[in-house]
N, C-alpha and C. Protein backbone atom coordinates (compact mmCIF):
# COMPACT_ATOMS: atom_id res chain seq x y z
N MET A 1 24.56 -1.17 -27.49
CA MET A 1 25.31 -1.09 -26.31
C MET A 1 25.21 0.08 -25.70
N ALA A 2 25.03 0.05 -24.08
CA ALA A 2 24.60 1.71 -23.45
C ALA A 2 25.88 1.65 -22.56
N TYR A 3 26.43 2.97 -22.78
CA TYR A 3 27.79 3.19 -21.99
C TYR A 3 27.70 4.73 -21.69
N ARG A 4 28.61 5.30 -20.48
CA ARG A 4 28.87 6.66 -20.67
C ARG A 4 30.15 6.56 -20.42
N ILE A 5 31.12 7.86 -20.97
CA ILE A 5 32.30 8.19 -20.64
C ILE A 5 31.77 9.29 -19.64
N ARG A 6 32.57 9.53 -18.53
CA ARG A 6 32.76 10.60 -17.64
C ARG A 6 34.63 10.62 -17.23
N GLY A 7 34.93 11.82 -17.54
CA GLY A 7 36.23 11.94 -17.13
C GLY A 7 37.12 10.50 -17.72
N GLN A 8 37.87 10.20 -17.12
CA GLN A 8 38.52 8.79 -17.48
C GLN A 8 38.07 7.56 -17.05
N GLU A 9 36.59 7.44 -16.93
CA GLU A 9 36.01 6.16 -16.55
C GLU A 9 35.06 5.59 -17.91
N LEU A 10 34.91 4.82 -18.65
CA LEU A 10 33.78 4.24 -19.55
C LEU A 10 33.14 3.28 -18.49
N ASP A 11 31.66 3.44 -18.62
CA ASP A 11 30.99 2.89 -17.68
C ASP A 11 29.92 2.20 -18.59
N LEU A 12 30.13 0.74 -18.42
CA LEU A 12 29.55 -0.21 -19.31
C LEU A 12 28.48 -0.95 -18.51
N TYR A 13 27.20 -0.23 -18.69
CA TYR A 13 25.90 -0.67 -18.08
C TYR A 13 24.88 -1.09 -18.78
N SER A 14 24.79 -1.71 -20.18
CA SER A 14 24.04 -2.38 -21.18
C SER A 14 24.53 -2.94 -22.21
N ALA A 15 24.19 -4.38 -22.18
CA ALA A 15 24.50 -4.48 -23.92
C ALA A 15 23.26 -5.60 -24.42
N TYR A 16 22.54 -4.55 -25.08
CA TYR A 16 21.37 -5.40 -25.42
C TYR A 16 21.53 -5.99 -27.33
N VAL A 17 21.13 -7.39 -26.88
CA VAL A 17 21.04 -7.69 -28.44
C VAL A 17 19.41 -8.34 -28.82
N PRO A 18 19.15 -8.31 -29.65
CA PRO A 18 17.61 -8.74 -29.93
C PRO A 18 17.44 -10.13 -29.77
N GLU A 19 16.50 -10.64 -29.34
CA GLU A 19 16.22 -12.11 -28.85
C GLU A 19 16.80 -13.10 -29.99
N VAL A 20 16.58 -12.69 -31.56
CA VAL A 20 16.36 -13.32 -32.41
C VAL A 20 18.02 -13.53 -32.52
N HIS A 21 18.71 -13.12 -32.12
CA HIS A 21 20.35 -12.89 -32.47
C HIS A 21 21.12 -13.16 -31.15
N ARG A 22 20.11 -13.43 -30.17
CA ARG A 22 21.14 -14.33 -28.89
C ARG A 22 21.57 -15.32 -28.73
N GLY A 23 23.02 -15.14 -28.49
CA GLY A 23 23.59 -16.84 -27.84
C GLY A 23 24.89 -16.85 -29.33
N ARG A 24 24.71 -15.86 -29.57
CA ARG A 24 25.58 -15.86 -30.52
C ARG A 24 27.37 -15.37 -30.76
N GLY A 25 27.04 -14.70 -29.44
CA GLY A 25 28.43 -13.84 -28.79
C GLY A 25 28.36 -12.26 -29.13
N TYR A 26 27.47 -11.68 -29.64
CA TYR A 26 27.34 -10.64 -30.21
C TYR A 26 27.59 -9.55 -29.23
N ALA A 27 26.69 -9.54 -27.93
CA ALA A 27 26.82 -8.86 -26.46
C ALA A 27 28.40 -9.22 -26.40
N SER A 28 29.15 -10.00 -26.12
CA SER A 28 30.56 -10.32 -26.05
C SER A 28 31.34 -9.62 -26.68
N GLN A 29 31.20 -9.42 -27.75
CA GLN A 29 31.84 -8.86 -28.85
C GLN A 29 31.88 -7.61 -28.08
N LEU A 30 30.61 -6.85 -28.40
CA LEU A 30 30.79 -5.46 -28.02
C LEU A 30 31.37 -4.98 -27.13
N ILE A 31 31.02 -5.72 -25.94
CA ILE A 31 31.68 -5.29 -24.63
C ILE A 31 33.24 -5.63 -24.47
N LEU A 32 33.75 -6.65 -25.52
CA LEU A 32 35.07 -6.57 -25.84
C LEU A 32 36.26 -5.63 -26.65
N HIS A 33 35.67 -5.24 -27.25
CA HIS A 33 35.67 -3.83 -28.18
C HIS A 33 35.46 -2.81 -27.29
N SER A 34 34.53 -2.62 -26.69
CA SER A 34 34.82 -1.39 -25.73
C SER A 34 35.94 -1.58 -24.71
N ILE A 35 36.06 -2.69 -23.98
CA ILE A 35 36.91 -3.05 -23.25
C ILE A 35 38.12 -2.00 -23.79
N HIS A 36 38.78 -2.86 -25.01
CA HIS A 36 39.71 -2.68 -25.72
C HIS A 36 39.94 -1.24 -26.22
N PHE A 37 38.67 -0.60 -26.55
CA PHE A 37 38.79 1.09 -26.98
C PHE A 37 39.07 1.88 -25.33
N ALA A 38 38.61 1.35 -24.30
CA ALA A 38 39.14 2.07 -22.99
C ALA A 38 40.45 1.82 -22.55
N VAL A 39 41.09 0.74 -23.05
CA VAL A 39 42.53 0.69 -22.57
C VAL A 39 43.12 1.36 -23.06
N LEU A 40 42.90 1.50 -24.92
CA LEU A 40 43.53 2.25 -25.91
C LEU A 40 43.77 3.95 -25.34
N HIS A 41 42.29 4.12 -24.87
CA HIS A 41 42.35 5.46 -24.53
C HIS A 41 42.66 6.05 -23.14
N GLY A 42 43.29 5.24 -22.42
CA GLY A 42 43.62 5.15 -20.74
C GLY A 42 42.17 5.48 -19.83
N LEU A 43 41.23 4.68 -20.37
CA LEU A 43 39.96 4.81 -19.53
C LEU A 43 39.89 3.66 -18.57
N ARG A 44 39.49 4.23 -17.26
CA ARG A 44 39.28 2.76 -16.29
C ARG A 44 37.51 2.25 -16.89
N VAL A 45 37.74 1.08 -16.65
CA VAL A 45 36.16 0.56 -17.05
C VAL A 45 35.45 0.02 -15.68
N LYS A 46 34.18 0.52 -16.28
CA LYS A 46 33.26 -0.13 -14.64
C LYS A 46 32.09 -0.71 -15.57
N ALA A 47 32.28 -1.89 -14.95
CA ALA A 47 31.40 -2.96 -16.03
C ALA A 47 29.96 -3.00 -14.98
N ASN A 48 29.30 -2.73 -15.11
CA ASN A 48 27.71 -2.79 -14.38
C ASN A 48 27.09 -3.74 -14.94
N SER A 49 27.19 -4.14 -16.12
CA SER A 49 26.09 -4.93 -16.21
C SER A 49 26.61 -6.59 -16.35
N PRO A 50 25.90 -7.47 -16.25
CA PRO A 50 25.83 -8.92 -15.46
C PRO A 50 27.00 -9.35 -17.00
N THR A 51 26.87 -9.40 -17.95
CA THR A 51 27.50 -9.77 -18.95
C THR A 51 28.88 -8.95 -19.18
N ALA A 52 28.96 -7.53 -18.91
CA ALA A 52 30.10 -6.91 -18.91
C ALA A 52 31.19 -7.49 -17.61
N LYS A 53 30.46 -7.88 -16.28
CA LYS A 53 30.95 -8.04 -15.67
C LYS A 53 31.68 -9.84 -15.86
N HIS A 54 30.66 -10.36 -16.37
CA HIS A 54 31.55 -11.87 -16.87
C HIS A 54 32.21 -11.76 -17.46
N ILE A 55 32.56 -10.85 -18.88
CA ILE A 55 33.67 -10.77 -19.64
C ILE A 55 34.94 -10.17 -19.09
N SER A 56 34.61 -9.77 -18.31
CA SER A 56 35.71 -8.78 -17.63
C SER A 56 36.34 -9.80 -16.63
N GLY A 57 35.90 -10.66 -16.10
CA GLY A 57 36.25 -11.71 -14.91
C GLY A 57 37.10 -12.82 -16.12
N VAL A 58 36.39 -13.01 -17.46
CA VAL A 58 37.05 -14.09 -18.26
C VAL A 58 38.11 -13.84 -18.86
N ILE A 59 38.37 -12.28 -19.33
CA ILE A 59 39.67 -11.91 -19.61
C ILE A 59 40.77 -11.46 -18.29
N GLY A 60 40.44 -11.97 -17.11
CA GLY A 60 41.10 -11.40 -16.21
C GLY A 60 41.42 -10.01 -15.74
N MET A 61 40.16 -9.38 -15.84
CA MET A 61 40.43 -8.06 -15.24
C MET A 61 39.94 -8.06 -14.01
N ALA A 62 40.27 -7.46 -12.96
CA ALA A 62 39.85 -7.29 -11.86
C ALA A 62 38.78 -6.51 -11.43
N LEU A 63 38.05 -6.89 -10.59
CA LEU A 63 36.69 -6.10 -10.36
C LEU A 63 36.69 -5.89 -8.92
N TYR A 64 36.08 -4.59 -8.73
CA TYR A 64 36.13 -4.51 -7.30
C TYR A 64 34.98 -4.01 -6.61
N PRO A 65 34.59 -3.78 -5.56
CA PRO A 65 32.69 -3.57 -4.97
C PRO A 65 32.16 -2.55 -5.92
N ASP A 66 32.99 -1.53 -6.29
CA ASP A 66 32.26 -0.51 -6.76
C ASP A 66 32.34 -1.03 -8.51
N GLY A 67 32.35 -1.97 -9.36
CA GLY A 67 32.27 -2.48 -10.29
C GLY A 67 33.45 -1.62 -11.42
N TYR A 68 34.50 -1.48 -10.83
CA TYR A 68 35.65 -1.24 -11.64
C TYR A 68 36.62 -2.31 -11.33
């Protein structure tokens, strides 16, 4: 999981799972836990990776053109 925290923003820009473990939902779980962490700490989530954007949409987070 690659991310950065800048001020009050959690930028999720990459979720990598080795090929042998793909398709089991590990990246999704990493992203869900990251979003949960952000909410608990009052951070805005910037979903830059395709997986983060997908998960954000699935759980009903509004995404704006700049990724927020």
